[in-house]
Amino acid sequence: MPESSASKNAAPAVKGPASYFPSIEAKYGQPISHWMEVLRAAGARKHMEYVALLKTDHGMGHGHANALVAVFLAQGR
């Protein structure tokens, strides 16, 4: 079956933790770069310590905080 022109032109779907980024920006009103800077400024911590920081200090939900931290740590801080 031939592909439709819409599927040929569509950008590949974002998968993994970064798929949360549009909703994180919409819900918390800050770009992802802001949250990456918050994590950088926090200094060296363990994954769940970063998650706890975003949850307690910034009111972020666990899934959103975990997604940001996963990408942050994967980038090598």
PDB file of N, CA and C in Angstrom:
ATOM      1  N   MET A   1       0.850  -1.175   0.000  1.00  0.00           N
ATOM      2  CA  MET A   1       0.000   0.000   0.000  1.00  0.00           C
ATOM      3  C   MET A   1       0.898   1.240   0.000  1.00  0.00           C
ATOM      4  N   PRO A   2       0.717   2.177  -0.888  1.00  0.00           N
ATOM      5  CA  PRO A   2       1.567   3.370  -0.948  1.00  0.00           C
ATOM      6  C   PRO A   2       1.332   4.282   0.247  1.00  0.00           C
ATOM      7  N   GLU A   3       2.399   4.987   0.650  1.00  0.00           N
ATOM      8  CA  GLU A   3       2.286   5.939   1.750  1.00  0.00           C
ATOM      9  C   GLU A   3       1.516   7.163   1.293  1.00  0.00           C
ATOM     10  N   SER A   4       0.751   7.736   2.185  1.00  0.00           N
ATOM     11  CA  SER A   4       0.059   8.976   1.850  1.00  0.00           C
ATOM     12  C   SER A   4       1.063  10.111   1.891  1.00  0.00           C
ATOM     13  N   SER A   5       0.750  11.201   1.246  1.00  0.00           N
ATOM     14  CA  SER A   5       1.667  12.339   1.253  1.00  0.00           C
ATOM     15  C   SER A   5       1.816  12.911   2.659  1.00  0.00           C
ATOM     16  N   ALA A   6       0.786  12.782   3.489  1.00  0.00           N
ATOM     17  CA  ALA A   6       0.866  13.282   4.859  1.00  0.00           C
ATOM     18  C   ALA A   6       1.907  12.509   5.660  1.00  0.00           C
ATOM     19  N   SER A   7       1.961  11.182   5.501  1.00  0.00           N
ATOM     20  CA  SER A   7       2.928  10.418   6.279  1.00  0.00           C
ATOM     21  C   SER A   7       4.344  10.620   5.767  1.00  0.00           C
ATOM     22  N   LYS A   8       4.519  10.959   4.492  1.00  0.00           N
ATOM     23  CA  LYS A   8       5.849  11.229   3.958  1.00  0.00           C
ATOM     24  C   LYS A   8       6.419  12.535   4.505  1.00  0.00           C
ATOM     25  N   ASN A   9       5.545  13.503   4.759  1.00  0.00           N
ATOM     26  CA  ASN A   9       5.980  14.823   5.186  1.00  0.00           C
ATOM     27  C   ASN A   9       5.974  15.002   6.705  1.00  0.00           C
ATOM     28  N   ALA A  10       5.408  14.056   7.426  1.00  0.00           N
ATOM     29  CA  ALA A  10       5.309  14.199   8.876  1.00  0.00           C
ATOM     30  C   ALA A  10       6.671  13.994   9.519  1.00  0.00           C
ATOM     31  N   ALA A  11       6.935  14.812  10.523  1.00  0.00           N
ATOM     32  CA  ALA A  11       8.176  14.650  11.279  1.00  0.00           C
ATOM     33  C   ALA A  11       8.071  13.370  12.094  1.00  0.00           C
ATOM     34  N   PRO A  12       9.189  12.701  12.303  1.00  0.00           N
ATOM     35  CA  PRO A  12       9.127  11.486  13.110  1.00  0.00           C
ATOM     36  C   PRO A  12       8.643  11.819  14.522  1.00  0.00           C
ATOM     37  N   ALA A  13       7.850  10.938  15.075  1.00  0.00           N
ATOM     38  CA  ALA A  13       7.313  11.166  16.413  1.00  0.00           C
ATOM     39  C   ALA A  13       8.439  11.122  17.436  1.00  0.00           C
ATOM     40  N   VAL A  14       8.400  12.053  18.364  1.00  0.00           N
ATOM     41  CA  VAL A  14       9.381  12.070  19.447  1.00  0.00           C
ATOM     42  C   VAL A  14       9.014  10.945  20.404  1.00  0.00           C
ATOM     43  N   LYS A  15      10.001  10.169  20.792  1.00  0.00           N
ATOM     44  CA  LYS A  15       9.758   9.048  21.696  1.00  0.00           C
ATOM     45  C   LYS A  15      10.611   9.211  22.947  1.00  0.00           C
ATOM     46  N   GLY A  16      10.311   8.427  23.937  1.00  0.00           N
ATOM     47  CA  GLY A  16      11.084   8.449  25.170  1.00  0.00           C
ATOM     48  C   GLY A  16      10.749   9.653  26.033  1.00  0.00           C
ATOM     49  N   PRO A  17      11.631   9.961  26.974  1.00  0.00           N
ATOM     50  CA  PRO A  17      11.348  11.049  27.923  1.00  0.00           C
ATOM     51  C   PRO A  17      11.073  12.395  27.257  1.00  0.00           C
ATOM     52  N   ALA A  18      11.726  12.668  26.123  1.00  0.00           N
ATOM     53  CA  ALA A  18      11.529  13.959  25.455  1.00  0.00           C
ATOM     54  C   ALA A  18      10.098  14.133  24.945  1.00  0.00           C
ATOM     55  N   SER A  19       9.343  13.056  24.848  1.00  0.00           N
ATOM     56  CA  SER A  19       7.954  13.179  24.401  1.00  0.00           C
ATOM     57  C   SER A  19       7.108  13.962  25.413  1.00  0.00           C
ATOM     58  N   TYR A  20       7.581  14.089  26.640  1.00  0.00           N
ATOM     59  CA  TYR A  20       6.888  14.871  27.662  1.00  0.00           C
ATOM     60  C   TYR A  20       7.143  16.373  27.538  1.00  0.00           C
ATOM     61  N   PHE A  21       8.158  16.767  26.796  1.00  0.00           N
ATOM     62  CA  PHE A  21       8.595  18.156  26.793  1.00  0.00           C
ATOM     63  C   PHE A  21       7.504  19.160  26.414  1.00  0.00           C
ATOM     64  N   PRO A  22       6.709  18.936  25.373  1.00  0.00           N
ATOM     65  CA  PRO A  22       5.665  19.938  25.072  1.00  0.00           C
ATOM     66  C   PRO A  22       4.688  20.155  26.231  1.00  0.00           C
ATOM     67  N   SER A  23       4.299  19.073  26.895  1.00  0.00           N
ATOM     68  CA  SER A  23       3.360  19.251  28.008  1.00  0.00           C
ATOM     69  C   SER A  23       4.036  19.871  29.226  1.00  0.00           C
ATOM     70  N   ILE A  24       5.330  19.611  29.423  1.00  0.00           N
ATOM     71  CA  ILE A  24       6.066  20.248  30.525  1.00  0.00           C
ATOM     72  C   ILE A  24       6.122  21.755  30.303  1.00  0.00           C
ATOM     73  N   GLU A  25       6.443  22.156  29.080  1.00  0.00           N
ATOM     74  CA  GLU A  25       6.499  23.595  28.780  1.00  0.00           C
ATOM     75  C   GLU A  25       5.130  24.248  28.940  1.00  0.00           C
ATOM     76  N   ALA A  26       4.091  23.584  28.506  1.00  0.00           N
ATOM     77  CA  ALA A  26       2.740  24.147  28.609  1.00  0.00           C
ATOM     78  C   ALA A  26       2.285  24.237  30.068  1.00  0.00           C
ATOM     79  N   LYS A  27       2.534  23.194  30.841  1.00  0.00           N
ATOM     80  CA  LYS A  27       2.036  23.164  32.216  1.00  0.00           C
ATOM     81  C   LYS A  27       2.791  24.098  33.148  1.00  0.00           C
ATOM     82  N   TYR A  28       4.109  24.174  32.997  1.00  0.00           N
ATOM     83  CA  TYR A  28       4.921  24.939  33.952  1.00  0.00           C
ATOM     84  C   TYR A  28       5.374  26.295  33.425  1.00  0.00           C
ATOM     85  N   GLY A  29       5.074  26.597  32.163  1.00  0.00           N
ATOM     86  CA  GLY A  29       5.312  27.924  31.613  1.00  0.00           C
ATOM     87  C   GLY A  29       6.760  28.311  31.384  1.00  0.00           C
ATOM     88  N   GLN A  30       7.642  27.333  31.342  1.00  0.00           N
ATOM     89  CA  GLN A  30       9.063  27.602  31.119  1.00  0.00           C
ATOM     90  C   GLN A  30       9.577  26.678  30.013  1.00  0.00           C
ATOM     91  N   PRO A  31      10.535  27.138  29.216  1.00  0.00           N
ATOM     92  CA  PRO A  31      11.114  26.264  28.192  1.00  0.00           C
ATOM     93  C   PRO A  31      11.970  25.176  28.849  1.00  0.00           C
ATOM     94  N   ILE A  32      12.224  24.118  28.125  1.00  0.00           N
ATOM     95  CA  ILE A  32      13.037  23.019  28.639  1.00  0.00           C
ATOM     96  C   ILE A  32      14.426  23.510  29.034  1.00  0.00           C
ATOM     97  N   SER A  33      14.953  24.484  28.309  1.00  0.00           N
ATOM     98  CA  SER A  33      16.280  25.020  28.656  1.00  0.00           C
ATOM     99  C   SER A  33      16.300  25.578  30.080  1.00  0.00           C
ATOM    100  N   HIS A  34      15.196  26.153  30.526  1.00  0.00           N
ATOM    101  CA  HIS A  34      15.111  26.650  31.907  1.00  0.00           C
ATOM    102  C   HIS A  34      15.290  25.506  32.899  1.00  0.00           C
ATOM    103  N   TRP A  35      14.587  24.402  32.657  1.00  0.00           N
ATOM    104  CA  TRP A  35      14.649  23.266  33.578  1.00  0.00           C
ATOM    105  C   TRP A  35      16.020  22.609  33.555  1.00  0.00           C
ATOM    106  N   MET A  36      16.668  22.585  32.398  1.00  0.00           N
ATOM    107  CA  MET A  36      18.021  22.037  32.325  1.00  0.00           C
ATOM    108  C   MET A  36      18.988  22.912  33.124  1.00  0.00           C
ATOM    109  N   GLU A  37      18.778  24.218  33.104  1.00  0.00           N
ATOM    110  CA  GLU A  37      19.617  25.129  33.889  1.00  0.00           C
ATOM    111  C   GLU A  37      19.361  24.944  35.387  1.00  0.00           C
ATOM    112  N   VAL A  38      18.113  24.733  35.774  1.00  0.00           N
ATOM    113  CA  VAL A  38      17.797  24.456  37.180  1.00  0.00           C
ATOM    114  C   VAL A  38      18.563  23.218  37.644  1.00  0.00           C
ATOM    115  N   LEU A  39      18.570  22.185  36.813  1.00  0.00           N
ATOM    116  CA  LEU A  39      19.283  20.957  37.178  1.00  0.00           C
ATOM    117  C   LEU A  39      20.793  21.176  37.220  1.00  0.00           C
ATOM    118  N   ARG A  40      21.332  21.914  36.247  1.00  0.00           N
ATOM    119  CA  ARG A  40      22.774  22.221  36.243  1.00  0.00           C
ATOM    120  C   ARG A  40      23.158  22.981  37.512  1.00  0.00           C
ATOM    121  N   ALA A  41      22.347  23.976  37.877  1.00  0.00           N
ATOM    122  CA  ALA A  41      22.643  24.807  39.044  1.00  0.00           C
ATOM    123  C   ALA A  41      22.567  24.027  40.355  1.00  0.00           C
ATOM    124  N   ALA A  42      21.870  22.912  40.349  1.00  0.00           N
ATOM    125  CA  ALA A  42      21.713  22.109  41.560  1.00  0.00           C
ATOM    126  C   ALA A  42      22.983  21.349  41.919  1.00  0.00           C
ATOM    127  N   GLY A  43      23.927  21.278  40.998  1.00  0.00           N
ATOM    128  CA  GLY A  43      25.169  20.553  41.266  1.00  0.00           C
ATOM    129  C   GLY A  43      24.983  19.051  41.111  1.00  0.00           C
ATOM    130  N   ALA A  44      26.046  18.332  41.400  1.00  0.00           N
ATOM    131  CA  ALA A  44      26.029  16.871  41.221  1.00  0.00           C
ATOM    132  C   ALA A  44      25.096  16.213  42.237  1.00  0.00           C
ATOM    133  N   ARG A  45      24.173  15.430  41.718  1.00  0.00           N
ATOM    134  CA  ARG A  45      23.218  14.698  42.552  1.00  0.00           C
ATOM    135  C   ARG A  45      22.893  13.386  41.866  1.00  0.00           C
ATOM    136  N   LYS A  46      22.219  12.527  42.603  1.00  0.00           N
ATOM    137  CA  LYS A  46      21.720  11.281  42.038  1.00  0.00           C
ATOM    138  C   LYS A  46      20.384  11.560  41.343  1.00  0.00           C
ATOM    139  N   HIS A  47      20.011  10.641  40.460  1.00  0.00           N
ATOM    140  CA  HIS A  47      18.791  10.796  39.668  1.00  0.00           C
ATOM    141  C   HIS A  47      17.593  11.175  40.545  1.00  0.00           C
ATOM    142  N   MET A  48      17.311  10.374  41.562  1.00  0.00           N
ATOM    143  CA  MET A  48      16.119  10.627  42.369  1.00  0.00           C
ATOM    144  C   MET A  48      16.244  11.890  43.223  1.00  0.00           C
ATOM    145  N   GLU A  49      17.455  12.337  43.493  1.00  0.00           N
ATOM    146  CA  GLU A  49      17.631  13.607  44.205  1.00  0.00           C
ATOM    147  C   GLU A  49      17.235  14.772  43.304  1.00  0.00           C
ATOM    148  N   TYR A  50      17.581  14.685  42.025  1.00  0.00           N
ATOM    149  CA  TYR A  50      17.132  15.711  41.067  1.00  0.00           C
ATOM    150  C   TYR A  50      15.612  15.696  40.945  1.00  0.00           C
ATOM    151  N   VAL A  51      15.041  14.503  40.849  1.00  0.00           N
ATOM    152  CA  VAL A  51      13.578  14.387  40.741  1.00  0.00           C
ATOM    153  C   VAL A  51      12.919  15.025  41.958  1.00  0.00           C
ATOM    154  N   ALA A  52      13.426  14.714  43.136  1.00  0.00           N
ATOM    155  CA  ALA A  52      12.863  15.284  44.368  1.00  0.00           C
ATOM    156  C   ALA A  52      12.963  16.805  44.377  1.00  0.00           C
ATOM    157  N   LEU A  53      14.074  17.346  43.895  1.00  0.00           N
ATOM    158  CA  LEU A  53      14.256  18.801  43.827  1.00  0.00           C
ATOM    159  C   LEU A  53      13.163  19.435  42.951  1.00  0.00           C
ATOM    160  N   LEU A  54      12.931  18.880  41.782  1.00  0.00           N
ATOM    161  CA  LEU A  54      11.920  19.446  40.881  1.00  0.00           C
ATOM    162  C   LEU A  54      10.521  19.320  41.476  1.00  0.00           C
ATOM    163  N   LYS A  55      10.270  18.228  42.162  1.00  0.00           N
ATOM    164  CA  LYS A  55       8.951  18.021  42.762  1.00  0.00           C
ATOM    165  C   LYS A  55       8.716  18.952  43.946  1.00  0.00           C
ATOM    166  N   THR A  56       9.685  19.039  44.839  1.00  0.00           N
ATOM    167  CA  THR A  56       9.467  19.814  46.064  1.00  0.00           C
ATOM    168  C   THR A  56       9.650  21.310  45.859  1.00  0.00           C
ATOM    169  N   ASP A  57      10.683  21.709  45.122  1.00  0.00           N
ATOM    170  CA  ASP A  57      10.968  23.134  44.963  1.00  0.00           C
ATOM    171  C   ASP A  57      10.173  23.793  43.847  1.00  0.00           C
ATOM    172  N   HIS A  58       9.694  23.003  42.893  1.00  0.00           N
ATOM    173  CA  HIS A  58       9.031  23.583  41.722  1.00  0.00           C
ATOM    174  C   HIS A  58       7.634  23.023  41.468  1.00  0.00           C
ATOM    175  N   GLY A  59       7.150  22.145  42.339  1.00  0.00           N
ATOM    176  CA  GLY A  59       5.792  21.629  42.229  1.00  0.00           C
ATOM    177  C   GLY A  59       5.544  20.750  41.010  1.00  0.00           C
ATOM    178  N   MET A  60       6.581  20.138  40.504  1.00  0.00           N
ATOM    179  CA  MET A  60       6.465  19.333  39.291  1.00  0.00           C
ATOM    180  C   MET A  60       5.999  17.924  39.637  1.00  0.00           C
ATOM    181  N   GLY A  61       5.215  17.339  38.741  1.00  0.00           N
ATOM    182  CA  GLY A  61       4.788  15.957  38.920  1.00  0.00           C
ATOM    183  C   GLY A  61       5.950  14.998  38.705  1.00  0.00           C
ATOM    184  N   HIS A  62       5.808  13.793  39.246  1.00  0.00           N
ATOM    185  CA  HIS A  62       6.887  12.816  39.179  1.00  0.00           C
ATOM    186  C   HIS A  62       7.276  12.462  37.744  1.00  0.00           C
ATOM    187  N   GLY A  63       6.308  12.205  36.893  1.00  0.00           N
ATOM    188  CA  GLY A  63       6.608  11.811  35.504  1.00  0.00           C
ATOM    189  C   GLY A  63       7.357  12.892  34.748  1.00  0.00           C
ATOM    190  N   HIS A  64       6.926  14.128  34.897  1.00  0.00           N
ATOM    191  CA  HIS A  64       7.601  15.231  34.222  1.00  0.00           C
ATOM    192  C   HIS A  64       9.013  15.427  34.769  1.00  0.00           C
ATOM    193  N   ALA A  65       9.157  15.393  36.087  1.00  0.00           N
ATOM    194  CA  ALA A  65      10.474  15.555  36.697  1.00  0.00           C
ATOM    195  C   ALA A  65      11.411  14.428  36.252  1.00  0.00           C
ATOM    196  N   ASN A  66      10.924  13.215  36.256  1.00  0.00           N
ATOM    197  CA  ASN A  66      11.730  12.066  35.872  1.00  0.00           C
ATOM    198  C   ASN A  66      12.181  12.169  34.412  1.00  0.00           C
ATOM    199  N   ALA A  67      11.296  12.625  33.544  1.00  0.00           N
ATOM    200  CA  ALA A  67      11.641  12.773  32.125  1.00  0.00           C
ATOM    201  C   ALA A  67      12.747  13.811  31.942  1.00  0.00           C
ATOM    202  N   LEU A  68      12.635  14.939  32.610  1.00  0.00           N
ATOM    203  CA  LEU A  68      13.673  15.974  32.510  1.00  0.00           C
ATOM    204  C   LEU A  68      15.016  15.466  33.016  1.00  0.00           C
ATOM    205  N   VAL A  69      15.000  14.799  34.148  1.00  0.00           N
ATOM    206  CA  VAL A  69      16.249  14.300  34.728  1.00  0.00           C
ATOM    207  C   VAL A  69      16.873  13.236  33.842  1.00  0.00           C
ATOM    208  N   ALA A  70      16.063  12.355  33.272  1.00  0.00           N
ATOM    209  CA  ALA A  70      16.594  11.309  32.396  1.00  0.00           C
ATOM    210  C   ALA A  70      17.339  11.917  31.214  1.00  0.00           C
ATOM    211  N   VAL A  71      16.759  12.935  30.587  1.00  0.00           N
ATOM    212  CA  VAL A  71      17.405  13.582  29.444  1.00  0.00           C
ATOM    213  C   VAL A  71      18.636  14.356  29.909  1.00  0.00           C
ATOM    214  N   PHE A  72      18.508  15.063  31.017  1.00  0.00           N
ATOM    215  CA  PHE A  72      19.641  15.826  31.573  1.00  0.00           C
ATOM    216  C   PHE A  72      20.851  14.919  31.808  1.00  0.00           C
ATOM    217  N   LEU A  73      20.625  13.801  32.470  1.00  0.00           N
ATOM    218  CA  LEU A  73      21.734  12.896  32.781  1.00  0.00           C
ATOM    219  C   LEU A  73      22.274  12.204  31.520  1.00  0.00           C
ATOM    220  N   ALA A  74      21.399  11.926  30.561  1.00  0.00           N
ATOM    221  CA  ALA A  74      21.835  11.296  29.311  1.00  0.00           C
ATOM    222  C   ALA A  74      22.737  12.237  28.498  1.00  0.00           C
ATOM    223  N   GLN A  75      22.542  13.530  28.673  1.00  0.00           N
ATOM    224  CA  GLN A  75      23.360  14.526  27.966  1.00  0.00           C
ATOM    225  C   GLN A  75      24.708  14.734  28.651  1.00  0.00           C
ATOM    226  N   GLY A  76      24.926  14.062  29.747  1.00  0.00           N
ATOM    227  CA  GLY A  76      26.187  14.213  30.467  1.00  0.00           C
ATOM    228  C   GLY A  76      26.261  15.476  31.287  1.00  0.00           C
ATOM    229  N   ARG A  77      25.088  16.020  31.654  1.00  0.00           N
ATOM    230  CA  ARG A  77      24.971  17.235  32.480  1.00  0.00           C
ATOM    231  C   ARG A  77      25.470  18.371  31.717  1.00  0.00           C
TER     232      ARG A  77
END
